[in-house]
Protein backbone atom coordinates (compact mmCIF):
# COMPACT_ATOMS: atom_id res chain seq x y z
CA GLN A 1 -0.16 0.17 -0.05
CA VAL A 2 1.00 3.55 -0.97
CA GLN A 3 1.34 6.29 1.63
CA LEU A 4 1.09 10.02 0.29
CA VAL A 5 2.03 12.89 2.17
CA GLU A 6 1.54 16.58 1.26
CA SER A 7 3.53 19.53 2.22
CA GLY A 8 4.19 23.28 1.18
CA GLY A 9 0.71 25.09 2.10
CA GLY A 10 0.49 27.80 4.03
CA LEU A 11 -0.93 31.35 4.06
CA VAL A 12 0.17 33.50 0.86
CA GLN A 13 -1.21 36.71 -0.17
CA PRO A 14 -3.35 37.13 -3.21
CA GLY A 15 -0.42 37.07 -6.40
CA GLY A 16 1.83 34.94 -4.44
CA SER A 17 3.03 31.12 -5.10
CA LEU A 18 3.51 28.10 -3.58
CA ARG A 19 4.68 24.88 -4.44
CA LEU A 20 3.19 21.92 -2.94
CA SER A 21 4.76 18.43 -2.77
CA CYS A 22 3.60 15.12 -2.55
CA ALA A 23 5.96 12.45 -1.31
CA ALA A 24 5.35 8.71 -1.81
CA SER A 25 6.46 5.64 0.56
CA GLY A 26 5.72 2.31 0.05
CA ARG A 27 5.56 2.20 -3.48
CA THR A 28 7.82 3.27 -6.40
CA LEU A 29 5.32 5.89 -8.71
CA ASP A 30 7.33 6.13 -11.81
CA TYR A 31 4.66 4.66 -13.67
CA TYR A 32 1.64 6.07 -12.08
CA THR A 33 -0.78 8.70 -12.85
CA ILE A 34 -0.83 10.98 -9.76
CA GLY A 35 -3.84 13.41 -9.37
CA TRP A 36 -4.04 16.64 -7.13
CA PHE A 37 -7.42 17.28 -5.95
CA ARG A 38 -8.52 20.35 -3.69
CA GLN A 39 -11.55 21.33 -1.21
CA ALA A 40 -12.59 24.48 0.05
CA PRO A 41 -14.93 24.73 3.20
CA GLY A 42 -18.45 23.57 2.12
CA LYS A 43 -17.65 22.81 -1.19
CA GLU A 44 -17.03 19.30 -3.13
CA ARG A 45 -13.47 18.03 -3.76
CA GLU A 46 -12.59 19.35 -7.29
CA PHE A 47 -9.68 17.90 -9.54
CA VAL A 48 -6.56 20.51 -10.13
CA ALA A 49 -4.34 18.41 -12.06
CA LEU A 50 -2.67 15.16 -13.11
CA ILE A 51 0.32 13.97 -14.49
CA ARG A 52 1.14 10.46 -16.71
CA TRP A 53 3.79 8.64 -16.16
CA ARG A 54 5.31 9.70 -19.65
CA ASN A 55 4.73 13.45 -18.21
CA SER A 56 1.72 14.26 -20.30
CA THR A 57 -0.32 16.65 -18.40
CA ALA A 58 -4.42 17.90 -17.74
CA TYR A 59 -5.69 20.69 -15.88
CA GLY A 60 -8.65 21.82 -13.99
CA GLU A 61 -10.51 24.68 -15.74
CA SER A 62 -9.17 27.87 -15.33
CA LEU A 63 -5.94 26.48 -13.88
CA LYS A 64 -3.68 25.92 -16.92
CA GLY A 65 -1.17 28.64 -16.91
CA ARG A 66 -1.51 29.48 -13.12
CA PHE A 67 -0.75 26.01 -12.09
CA THR A 68 2.08 23.29 -13.07
CA ILE A 69 2.43 19.50 -12.00
CA SER A 70 5.66 17.84 -12.66
CA ARG A 71 7.37 14.86 -10.87
CA ASP A 72 10.71 13.84 -10.18
CA ASN A 73 11.07 9.99 -9.91
CA ALA A 74 14.23 9.82 -8.29
CA LYS A 75 12.82 11.20 -5.29
CA ASN A 76 9.29 9.80 -5.69
CA THR A 77 7.53 12.93 -5.61
CA VAL A 78 5.33 15.13 -7.11
CA TYR A 79 5.21 19.04 -7.07
CA LEU A 80 2.35 21.44 -7.72
CA GLN A 81 3.73 24.88 -8.80
CA MET A 82 0.88 27.62 -7.94
CA ASN A 83 1.26 31.17 -9.35
CA SER A 84 -0.77 34.51 -9.54
CA LEU A 85 -2.80 32.69 -6.13
CA LYS A 86 -6.42 34.32 -5.77
CA PRO A 87 -8.52 34.13 -2.44
CA GLU A 88 -10.71 31.42 -4.45
CA ASP A 89 -7.59 28.92 -4.46
CA THR A 90 -8.31 28.62 -0.70
CA ALA A 91 -8.44 25.13 -0.08
CA VAL A 92 -6.77 22.10 1.21
CA TYR A 93 -4.87 20.24 -1.22
CA TYR A 94 -4.59 16.41 -1.50
CA CYS A 95 -2.57 14.14 -4.19
CA ALA A 96 -4.29 10.69 -4.85
CA VAL A 97 -2.98 7.77 -6.87
CA PRO A 98 -4.82 4.88 -8.43
CA ARG A 99 -4.58 1.70 -7.30
CA SER A 100 -2.36 0.12 -10.10
CA ARG A 101 0.19 1.59 -12.20
CA TYR A 102 -1.92 0.08 -15.19
CA ASP A 103 -5.21 2.49 -14.11
CA THR A 104 -5.54 5.04 -16.31
CA PRO A 105 -7.31 7.62 -13.82
CA GLY A 106 -8.62 10.81 -15.11
CA ARG A 107 -10.64 14.01 -13.28
CA ALA A 108 -12.83 11.81 -11.09
CA ARG A 109 -11.88 11.43 -7.67
CA ASN A 110 -13.69 7.89 -7.48
CA ASP A 111 -10.59 7.37 -10.19
CA TYR A 112 -8.23 7.31 -7.53
CA ASN A 113 -7.75 5.03 -4.36
CA TYR A 114 -5.02 6.48 -1.91
CA TRP A 115 -5.24 9.77 -0.75
CA GLY A 116 -2.88 12.24 1.69
CA GLN A 117 -3.79 13.74 4.45
CA GLY A 118 -4.12 17.40 2.59
CA THR A 119 -1.96 20.42 2.78
CA GLN A 120 -3.70 23.61 3.96
CA VAL A 121 -3.71 26.65 1.46
CA THR A 122 -4.94 30.09 2.39
CA VAL A 123 -4.68 33.00 0.19
CA SER A 124 -5.60 36.11 1.82
CA SER A 125 -4.20 40.03 2.49
């Protein structure tokens, strides 16, 4: 079973940047699709970005151009670089992976089986 640990969240002013990390243990993620999701208070968990094993990516609506997902297989870690942050980006951010490297998850949260505990991102002046 894989364990995921997110880090890098915090309080940032509008227009600022943060880089989130998702470190995995218990399994090598080289061939996995890895997703980032977020959940704001009172809202459903929504898709943010994913990266496939060949490094193709997909982003949630309106996030491409501000957010960039990347991976470092040597560190078994995936990153989410967030720029030009807005108050509406405030949420708990989660990374997730499917059960198998042969799975091809998309933007649906039910495509993913293992989740981290989340890291809080607050964008406020």
